[in-house]
Amino acid sequence: MEVKLERELFVCACGDVEHQFVISKFEDEPQFYIEMHLSDASFFRRLMIGLEYIFGKKSKYGAFEEIILNPEDIERLRKVIDKETNVLR
């Protein structure tokens, strides 16, 4: 039995491929999987970030990157979500 996997790749409008995410959906499962690219950092840098998080230190910039979607990407994202929600109705 072959299970169909559908994927959609979204890359930031700035063109930086580090700002991307992939939405995956198995045909026989009702949920989506969203895979985000995480910034590369050394073990000690990740450890330091984790410790700062545990002890409540917050950056005014947050701990996240951003992804800017072009209008055509927004429409494509809408279609991916609408396709599944229409099946569930």
PDB file of N, CA and C in Angstrom:
ATOM      1  N   MET A   1       0.835  -1.182   0.000  1.00  0.00           N
ATOM      2  CA  MET A   1       0.000   0.000   0.000  1.00  0.00           C
ATOM      3  C   MET A   1       0.883   1.249   0.000  1.00  0.00           C
ATOM      4  N   GLU A   2       0.660   2.095  -0.944  1.00  0.00           N
ATOM      5  CA  GLU A   2       1.448   3.325  -1.073  1.00  0.00           C
ATOM      6  C   GLU A   2       0.673   4.491  -0.463  1.00  0.00           C
ATOM      7  N   VAL A   3       1.323   5.218   0.439  1.00  0.00           N
ATOM      8  CA  VAL A   3       0.706   6.379   1.075  1.00  0.00           C
ATOM      9  C   VAL A   3       1.211   7.628   0.371  1.00  0.00           C
ATOM     10  N   LYS A   4       0.275   8.458  -0.043  1.00  0.00           N
ATOM     11  CA  LYS A   4       0.631   9.671  -0.771  1.00  0.00           C
ATOM     12  C   LYS A   4       0.978  10.796   0.206  1.00  0.00           C
ATOM     13  N   LEU A   5       2.111  11.466  -0.038  1.00  0.00           N
ATOM     14  CA  LEU A   5       2.566  12.602   0.757  1.00  0.00           C
ATOM     15  C   LEU A   5       2.597  13.833  -0.137  1.00  0.00           C
ATOM     16  N   GLU A   6       1.873  14.853   0.278  1.00  0.00           N
ATOM     17  CA  GLU A   6       1.877  16.116  -0.462  1.00  0.00           C
ATOM     18  C   GLU A   6       2.711  17.119   0.310  1.00  0.00           C
ATOM     19  N   ARG A   7       3.515  17.915  -0.409  1.00  0.00           N
ATOM     20  CA  ARG A   7       4.376  18.922   0.228  1.00  0.00           C
ATOM     21  C   ARG A   7       4.296  20.239  -0.518  1.00  0.00           C
ATOM     22  N   GLU A   8       4.356  21.305   0.254  1.00  0.00           N
ATOM     23  CA  GLU A   8       4.423  22.657  -0.295  1.00  0.00           C
ATOM     24  C   GLU A   8       5.559  23.394   0.394  1.00  0.00           C
ATOM     25  N   LEU A   9       6.454  23.956  -0.385  1.00  0.00           N
ATOM     26  CA  LEU A   9       7.593  24.707   0.130  1.00  0.00           C
ATOM     27  C   LEU A   9       7.301  26.199   0.016  1.00  0.00           C
ATOM     28  N   PHE A  10       7.546  26.924   1.087  1.00  0.00           N
ATOM     29  CA  PHE A  10       7.381  28.371   1.109  1.00  0.00           C
ATOM     30  C   PHE A  10       8.709  29.004   1.494  1.00  0.00           C
ATOM     31  N   VAL A  11       9.208  29.891   0.643  1.00  0.00           N
ATOM     32  CA  VAL A  11      10.469  30.590   0.893  1.00  0.00           C
ATOM     33  C   VAL A  11      10.152  32.070   1.057  1.00  0.00           C
ATOM     34  N   CYS A  12      10.838  32.706   1.976  1.00  0.00           N
ATOM     35  CA  CYS A  12      10.640  34.113   2.293  1.00  0.00           C
ATOM     36  C   CYS A  12      10.765  34.997   1.054  1.00  0.00           C
ATOM     37  N   ALA A  13      10.007  36.077   1.041  1.00  0.00           N
ATOM     38  CA  ALA A  13      10.059  37.044  -0.059  1.00  0.00           C
ATOM     39  C   ALA A  13      11.435  37.692  -0.177  1.00  0.00           C
ATOM     40  N   CYS A  14      12.226  37.672   0.902  1.00  0.00           N
ATOM     41  CA  CYS A  14      13.563  38.269   0.842  1.00  0.00           C
ATOM     42  C   CYS A  14      14.522  37.394   0.026  1.00  0.00           C
ATOM     43  N   GLY A  15      14.128  36.152  -0.236  1.00  0.00           N
ATOM     44  CA  GLY A  15      14.961  35.266  -1.049  1.00  0.00           C
ATOM     45  C   GLY A  15      15.951  34.436  -0.259  1.00  0.00           C
ATOM     46  N   ASP A  16      16.049  34.645   1.034  1.00  0.00           N
ATOM     47  CA  ASP A  16      16.975  33.886   1.873  1.00  0.00           C
ATOM     48  C   ASP A  16      16.381  32.504   2.135  1.00  0.00           C
ATOM     49  N   VAL A  17      17.043  31.453   1.657  1.00  0.00           N
ATOM     50  CA  VAL A  17      16.501  30.101   1.808  1.00  0.00           C
ATOM     51  C   VAL A  17      16.549  29.609   3.252  1.00  0.00           C
ATOM     52  N   GLU A  18      17.207  30.348   4.145  1.00  0.00           N
ATOM     53  CA  GLU A  18      17.140  30.002   5.559  1.00  0.00           C
ATOM     54  C   GLU A  18      15.794  30.402   6.154  1.00  0.00           C
ATOM     55  N   HIS A  19      15.066  31.251   5.471  1.00  0.00           N
ATOM     56  CA  HIS A  19      13.728  31.650   5.910  1.00  0.00           C
ATOM     57  C   HIS A  19      12.738  30.856   5.062  1.00  0.00           C
ATOM     58  N   GLN A  20      12.435  29.650   5.507  1.00  0.00           N
ATOM     59  CA  GLN A  20      11.532  28.796   4.746  1.00  0.00           C
ATOM     60  C   GLN A  20      10.785  27.844   5.657  1.00  0.00           C
ATOM     61  N   PHE A  21       9.680  27.323   5.137  1.00  0.00           N
ATOM     62  CA  PHE A  21       8.982  26.243   5.827  1.00  0.00           C
ATOM     63  C   PHE A  21       8.308  25.359   4.798  1.00  0.00           C
ATOM     64  N   VAL A  22       8.072  24.118   5.192  1.00  0.00           N
ATOM     65  CA  VAL A  22       7.431  23.136   4.326  1.00  0.00           C
ATOM     66  C   VAL A  22       6.199  22.623   5.052  1.00  0.00           C
ATOM     67  N   ILE A  23       5.080  22.574   4.350  1.00  0.00           N
ATOM     68  CA  ILE A  23       3.870  21.960   4.900  1.00  0.00           C
ATOM     69  C   ILE A  23       3.723  20.610   4.226  1.00  0.00           C
ATOM     70  N   SER A  24       3.660  19.563   5.053  1.00  0.00           N
ATOM     71  CA  SER A  24       3.493  18.198   4.554  1.00  0.00           C
ATOM     72  C   SER A  24       2.166  17.648   5.037  1.00  0.00           C
ATOM     73  N   LYS A  25       1.549  16.827   4.210  1.00  0.00           N
ATOM     74  CA  LYS A  25       0.258  16.229   4.554  1.00  0.00           C
ATOM     75  C   LYS A  25       0.203  14.839   3.953  1.00  0.00           C
ATOM     76  N   PHE A  26       0.027  13.838   4.837  1.00  0.00           N
ATOM     77  CA  PHE A  26      -0.195  12.483   4.358  1.00  0.00           C
ATOM     78  C   PHE A  26      -1.670  12.343   4.005  1.00  0.00           C
ATOM     79  N   GLU A  27      -1.933  11.664   2.902  1.00  0.00           N
ATOM     80  CA  GLU A  27      -3.289  11.523   2.393  1.00  0.00           C
ATOM     81  C   GLU A  27      -4.234  10.888   3.416  1.00  0.00           C
ATOM     82  N   ASP A  28      -3.728   9.945   4.203  1.00  0.00           N
ATOM     83  CA  ASP A  28      -4.584   9.200   5.126  1.00  0.00           C
ATOM     84  C   ASP A  28      -4.582   9.744   6.557  1.00  0.00           C
ATOM     85  N   GLU A  29      -4.037  10.955   6.766  1.00  0.00           N
ATOM     86  CA  GLU A  29      -4.010  11.556   8.100  1.00  0.00           C
ATOM     87  C   GLU A  29      -4.662  12.937   8.053  1.00  0.00           C
ATOM     88  N   PRO A  30      -5.392  13.319   9.106  1.00  0.00           N
ATOM     89  CA  PRO A  30      -6.106  14.602   9.096  1.00  0.00           C
ATOM     90  C   PRO A  30      -5.246  15.805   9.463  1.00  0.00           C
ATOM     91  N   GLN A  31      -3.999  15.623   9.898  1.00  0.00           N
ATOM     92  CA  GLN A  31      -3.188  16.750  10.346  1.00  0.00           C
ATOM     93  C   GLN A  31      -2.115  17.137   9.332  1.00  0.00           C
ATOM     94  N   PHE A  32      -1.617  18.365   9.519  1.00  0.00           N
ATOM     95  CA  PHE A  32      -0.522  18.898   8.727  1.00  0.00           C
ATOM     96  C   PHE A  32       0.758  18.807   9.550  1.00  0.00           C
ATOM     97  N   TYR A  33       1.893  18.723   8.872  1.00  0.00           N
ATOM     98  CA  TYR A  33       3.191  18.807   9.522  1.00  0.00           C
ATOM     99  C   TYR A  33       3.876  20.041   8.955  1.00  0.00           C
ATOM    100  N   ILE A  34       4.328  20.916   9.824  1.00  0.00           N
ATOM    101  CA  ILE A  34       5.023  22.127   9.382  1.00  0.00           C
ATOM    102  C   ILE A  34       6.466  22.017   9.834  1.00  0.00           C
ATOM    103  N   GLU A  35       7.365  22.027   8.861  1.00  0.00           N
ATOM    104  CA  GLU A  35       8.799  21.912   9.130  1.00  0.00           C
ATOM    105  C   GLU A  35       9.427  23.278   8.890  1.00  0.00           C
ATOM    106  N   MET A  36      10.032  23.825   9.932  1.00  0.00           N
ATOM    107  CA  MET A  36      10.670  25.135   9.845  1.00  0.00           C
ATOM    108  C   MET A  36      12.178  24.959   9.801  1.00  0.00           C
ATOM    109  N   HIS A  37      12.840  25.806   9.060  1.00  0.00           N
ATOM    110  CA  HIS A  37      14.301  25.828   9.077  1.00  0.00           C
ATOM    111  C   HIS A  37      14.740  26.538  10.346  1.00  0.00           C
ATOM    112  N   LEU A  38      15.614  25.922  11.092  1.00  0.00           N
ATOM    113  CA  LEU A  38      16.137  26.539  12.304  1.00  0.00           C
ATOM    114  C   LEU A  38      17.536  27.071  12.041  1.00  0.00           C
ATOM    115  N   SER A  39      17.832  28.219  12.601  1.00  0.00           N
ATOM    116  CA  SER A  39      19.152  28.812  12.419  1.00  0.00           C
ATOM    117  C   SER A  39      20.233  27.904  12.993  1.00  0.00           C
ATOM    118  N   ASP A  40      21.357  27.874  12.326  1.00  0.00           N
ATOM    119  CA  ASP A  40      22.471  27.045  12.755  1.00  0.00           C
ATOM    120  C   ASP A  40      23.236  27.769  13.858  1.00  0.00           C
ATOM    121  N   ALA A  41      23.541  27.039  14.917  1.00  0.00           N
ATOM    122  CA  ALA A  41      24.327  27.605  16.013  1.00  0.00           C
ATOM    123  C   ALA A  41      25.141  26.482  16.633  1.00  0.00           C
ATOM    124  N   SER A  42      26.236  26.848  17.271  1.00  0.00           N
ATOM    125  CA  SER A  42      27.081  25.843  17.915  1.00  0.00           C
ATOM    126  C   SER A  42      26.354  25.250  19.124  1.00  0.00           C
ATOM    127  N   PHE A  43      26.860  24.128  19.602  1.00  0.00           N
ATOM    128  CA  PHE A  43      26.273  23.468  20.768  1.00  0.00           C
ATOM    129  C   PHE A  43      26.220  24.413  21.960  1.00  0.00           C
ATOM    130  N   PHE A  44      27.312  25.127  22.221  1.00  0.00           N
ATOM    131  CA  PHE A  44      27.369  26.002  23.392  1.00  0.00           C
ATOM    132  C   PHE A  44      26.433  27.198  23.259  1.00  0.00           C
ATOM    133  N   ARG A  45      26.279  27.701  22.057  1.00  0.00           N
ATOM    134  CA  ARG A  45      25.341  28.816  21.836  1.00  0.00           C
ATOM    135  C   ARG A  45      23.906  28.333  22.087  1.00  0.00           C
ATOM    136  N   ARG A  46      23.559  27.149  21.573  1.00  0.00           N
ATOM    137  CA  ARG A  46      22.214  26.603  21.806  1.00  0.00           C
ATOM    138  C   ARG A  46      21.998  26.336  23.292  1.00  0.00           C
ATOM    139  N   LEU A  47      23.021  25.838  23.976  1.00  0.00           N
ATOM    140  CA  LEU A  47      22.936  25.586  25.417  1.00  0.00           C
ATOM    141  C   LEU A  47      22.689  26.895  26.173  1.00  0.00           C
ATOM    142  N   MET A  48      23.412  27.942  25.806  1.00  0.00           N
ATOM    143  CA  MET A  48      23.260  29.240  26.450  1.00  0.00           C
ATOM    144  C   MET A  48      21.847  29.792  26.209  1.00  0.00           C
ATOM    145  N   ILE A  49      21.349  29.676  24.994  1.00  0.00           N
ATOM    146  CA  ILE A  49      19.990  30.142  24.688  1.00  0.00           C
ATOM    147  C   ILE A  49      18.971  29.375  25.527  1.00  0.00           C
ATOM    148  N   GLY A  50      19.183  28.049  25.637  1.00  0.00           N
ATOM    149  CA  GLY A  50      18.286  27.219  26.442  1.00  0.00           C
ATOM    150  C   GLY A  50      18.297  27.606  27.906  1.00  0.00           C
ATOM    151  N   LEU A  51      19.468  27.852  28.448  1.00  0.00           N
ATOM    152  CA  LEU A  51      19.572  28.258  29.855  1.00  0.00           C
ATOM    153  C   LEU A  51      18.928  29.617  30.086  1.00  0.00           C
ATOM    154  N   GLU A  52      19.138  30.544  29.159  1.00  0.00           N
ATOM    155  CA  GLU A  52      18.506  31.852  29.286  1.00  0.00           C
ATOM    156  C   GLU A  52      16.987  31.710  29.264  1.00  0.00           C
ATOM    157  N   TYR A  53      16.500  30.834  28.401  1.00  0.00           N
ATOM    158  CA  TYR A  53      15.054  30.597  28.323  1.00  0.00           C
ATOM    159  C   TYR A  53      14.531  30.018  29.637  1.00  0.00           C
ATOM    160  N   ILE A  54      15.227  29.014  30.176  1.00  0.00           N
ATOM    161  CA  ILE A  54      14.813  28.367  31.429  1.00  0.00           C
ATOM    162  C   ILE A  54      14.733  29.379  32.564  1.00  0.00           C
ATOM    163  N   PHE A  55      15.687  30.312  32.620  1.00  0.00           N
ATOM    164  CA  PHE A  55      15.717  31.284  33.703  1.00  0.00           C
ATOM    165  C   PHE A  55      14.917  32.559  33.401  1.00  0.00           C
ATOM    166  N   GLY A  56      14.177  32.560  32.306  1.00  0.00           N
ATOM    167  CA  GLY A  56      13.237  33.640  32.031  1.00  0.00           C
ATOM    168  C   GLY A  56      13.783  34.862  31.335  1.00  0.00           C
ATOM    169  N   LYS A  57      15.016  34.829  30.844  1.00  0.00           N
ATOM    170  CA  LYS A  57      15.549  35.991  30.136  1.00  0.00           C
ATOM    171  C   LYS A  57      14.852  36.097  28.784  1.00  0.00           C
ATOM    172  N   LYS A  58      14.428  37.303  28.459  1.00  0.00           N
ATOM    173  CA  LYS A  58      13.729  37.521  27.196  1.00  0.00           C
ATOM    174  C   LYS A  58      14.424  38.611  26.399  1.00  0.00           C
ATOM    175  N   SER A  59      14.508  38.391  25.109  1.00  0.00           N
ATOM    176  CA  SER A  59      15.057  39.401  24.211  1.00  0.00           C
ATOM    177  C   SER A  59      13.911  40.276  23.708  1.00  0.00           C
ATOM    178  N   LYS A  60      14.154  41.551  23.558  1.00  0.00           N
ATOM    179  CA  LYS A  60      13.102  42.417  23.022  1.00  0.00           C
ATOM    180  C   LYS A  60      12.776  42.064  21.574  1.00  0.00           C
ATOM    181  N   TYR A  61      13.682  41.332  20.916  1.00  0.00           N
ATOM    182  CA  TYR A  61      13.467  40.924  19.532  1.00  0.00           C
ATOM    183  C   TYR A  61      12.803  39.550  19.433  1.00  0.00           C
ATOM    184  N   GLY A  62      12.679  38.835  20.537  1.00  0.00           N
ATOM    185  CA  GLY A  62      12.124  37.491  20.506  1.00  0.00           C
ATOM    186  C   GLY A  62      13.182  36.487  20.097  1.00  0.00           C
ATOM    187  N   ALA A  63      12.793  35.230  20.062  1.00  0.00           N
ATOM    188  CA  ALA A  63      13.730  34.161  19.737  1.00  0.00           C
ATOM    189  C   ALA A  63      13.410  33.533  18.393  1.00  0.00           C
ATOM    190  N   PHE A  64      12.784  34.281  17.516  1.00  0.00           N
ATOM    191  CA  PHE A  64      12.316  33.713  16.265  1.00  0.00           C
ATOM    192  C   PHE A  64      12.799  34.512  15.066  1.00  0.00           C
ATOM    193  N   GLU A  65      12.935  33.835  13.965  1.00  0.00           N
ATOM    194  CA  GLU A  65      13.160  34.492  12.681  1.00  0.00           C
ATOM    195  C   GLU A  65      11.791  34.854  12.116  1.00  0.00           C
ATOM    196  N   GLU A  66      11.764  35.366  10.922  1.00  0.00           N
ATOM    197  CA  GLU A  66      10.489  35.671  10.291  1.00  0.00           C
ATOM    198  C   GLU A  66      10.480  35.174   8.861  1.00  0.00           C
ATOM    199  N   ILE A  67       9.304  34.982   8.347  1.00  0.00           N
ATOM    200  CA  ILE A  67       9.116  34.606   6.949  1.00  0.00           C
ATOM    201  C   ILE A  67       8.080  35.562   6.381  1.00  0.00           C
ATOM    202  N   ILE A  68       8.464  36.250   5.324  1.00  0.00           N
ATOM    203  CA  ILE A  68       7.558  37.180   4.662  1.00  0.00           C
ATOM    204  C   ILE A  68       7.005  36.463   3.438  1.00  0.00           C
ATOM    205  N   LEU A  69       5.688  36.337   3.363  1.00  0.00           N
ATOM    206  CA  LEU A  69       5.068  35.644   2.235  1.00  0.00           C
ATOM    207  C   LEU A  69       4.639  36.643   1.169  1.00  0.00           C
ATOM    208  N   ASN A  70       4.937  36.315  -0.079  1.00  0.00           N
ATOM    209  CA  ASN A  70       4.443  37.079  -1.214  1.00  0.00           C
ATOM    210  C   ASN A  70       2.943  36.830  -1.354  1.00  0.00           C
ATOM    211  N   PRO A  71       2.221  37.730  -2.008  1.00  0.00           N
ATOM    212  CA  PRO A  71       0.771  37.512  -2.184  1.00  0.00           C
ATOM    213  C   PRO A  71       0.431  36.163  -2.831  1.00  0.00           C
ATOM    214  N   GLU A  72       1.221  35.730  -3.795  1.00  0.00           N
ATOM    215  CA  GLU A  72       0.929  34.429  -4.429  1.00  0.00           C
ATOM    216  C   GLU A  72       1.181  33.264  -3.470  1.00  0.00           C
ATOM    217  N   ASP A  73       2.126  33.445  -2.547  1.00  0.00           N
ATOM    218  CA  ASP A  73       2.367  32.413  -1.529  1.00  0.00           C
ATOM    219  C   ASP A  73       1.225  32.371  -0.523  1.00  0.00           C
ATOM    220  N   ILE A  74       0.677  33.528  -0.200  1.00  0.00           N
ATOM    221  CA  ILE A  74      -0.465  33.570   0.718  1.00  0.00           C
ATOM    222  C   ILE A  74      -1.636  32.819   0.102  1.00  0.00           C
ATOM    223  N   GLU A  75      -1.873  33.039  -1.162  1.00  0.00           N
ATOM    224  CA  GLU A  75      -2.962  32.342  -1.855  1.00  0.00           C
ATOM    225  C   GLU A  75      -2.697  30.836  -1.914  1.00  0.00           C
ATOM    226  N   ARG A  76      -1.458  30.448  -2.154  1.00  0.00           N
ATOM    227  CA  ARG A  76      -1.094  29.029  -2.185  1.00  0.00           C
ATOM    228  C   ARG A  76      -1.287  28.387  -0.809  1.00  0.00           C
ATOM    229  N   LEU A  77      -0.899  29.105   0.255  1.00  0.00           N
ATOM    230  CA  LEU A  77      -1.098  28.620   1.619  1.00  0.00           C
ATOM    231  C   LEU A  77      -2.592  28.465   1.902  1.00  0.00           C
ATOM    232  N   ARG A  78      -3.368  29.428   1.471  1.00  0.00           N
ATOM    233  CA  ARG A  78      -4.820  29.364   1.658  1.00  0.00           C
ATOM    234  C   ARG A  78      -5.399  28.129   0.961  1.00  0.00           C
ATOM    235  N   LYS A  79      -4.926  27.843  -0.239  1.00  0.00           N
ATOM    236  CA  LYS A  79      -5.418  26.675  -0.977  1.00  0.00           C
ATOM    237  C   LYS A  79      -5.065  25.370  -0.274  1.00  0.00           C
ATOM    238  N   VAL A  80      -3.847  25.282   0.269  1.00  0.00           N
ATOM    239  CA  VAL A  80      -3.432  24.079   0.994  1.00  0.00           C
ATOM    240  C   VAL A  80      -4.349  23.843   2.187  1.00  0.00           C
ATOM    241  N   ILE A  81      -4.626  24.904   2.946  1.00  0.00           N
ATOM    242  CA  ILE A  81      -5.468  24.770   4.127  1.00  0.00           C
ATOM    243  C   ILE A  81      -6.927  24.520   3.742  1.00  0.00           C
ATOM    244  N   ASP A  82      -7.431  25.273   2.760  1.00  0.00           N
ATOM    245  CA  ASP A  82      -8.828  25.106   2.334  1.00  0.00           C
ATOM    246  C   ASP A  82      -9.088  23.716   1.783  1.00  0.00           C
ATOM    247  N   LYS A  83      -8.130  23.161   1.077  1.00  0.00           N
ATOM    248  CA  LYS A  83      -8.293  21.827   0.506  1.00  0.00           C
ATOM    249  C   LYS A  83      -8.591  20.808   1.599  1.00  0.00           C
ATOM    250  N   GLU A  84      -7.862  20.888   2.706  1.00  0.00           N
ATOM    251  CA  GLU A  84      -8.054  19.939   3.807  1.00  0.00           C
ATOM    252  C   GLU A  84      -9.323  20.249   4.592  1.00  0.00           C
ATOM    253  N   THR A  85      -9.578  21.522   4.861  1.00  0.00           N
ATOM    254  CA  THR A  85     -10.755  21.843   5.673  1.00  0.00           C
ATOM    255  C   THR A  85     -12.044  21.523   4.931  1.00  0.00           C
ATOM    256  N   ASN A  86     -12.033  21.590   3.613  1.00  0.00           N
ATOM    257  CA  ASN A  86     -13.210  21.202   2.840  1.00  0.00           C
ATOM    258  C   ASN A  86     -13.463  19.709   2.919  1.00  0.00           C
ATOM    259  N   VAL A  87     -12.397  18.921   3.015  1.00  0.00           N
ATOM    260  CA  VAL A  87     -12.531  17.473   3.139  1.00  0.00           C
ATOM    261  C   VAL A  87     -13.133  17.125   4.491  1.00  0.00           C
ATOM    262  N   LEU A  88     -12.772  17.865   5.534  1.00  0.00           N
ATOM    263  CA  LEU A  88     -13.239  17.568   6.892  1.00  0.00           C
ATOM    264  C   LEU A  88     -14.675  18.019   7.145  1.00  0.00           C
ATOM    265  N   ARG A  89     -15.222  18.874   6.313  1.00  0.00           N
ATOM    266  CA  ARG A  89     -16.606  19.390   6.530  1.00  0.00           C
ATOM    267  C   ARG A  89     -17.627  18.384   6.114  1.00  0.00           C
TER     268      ARG A  89
END
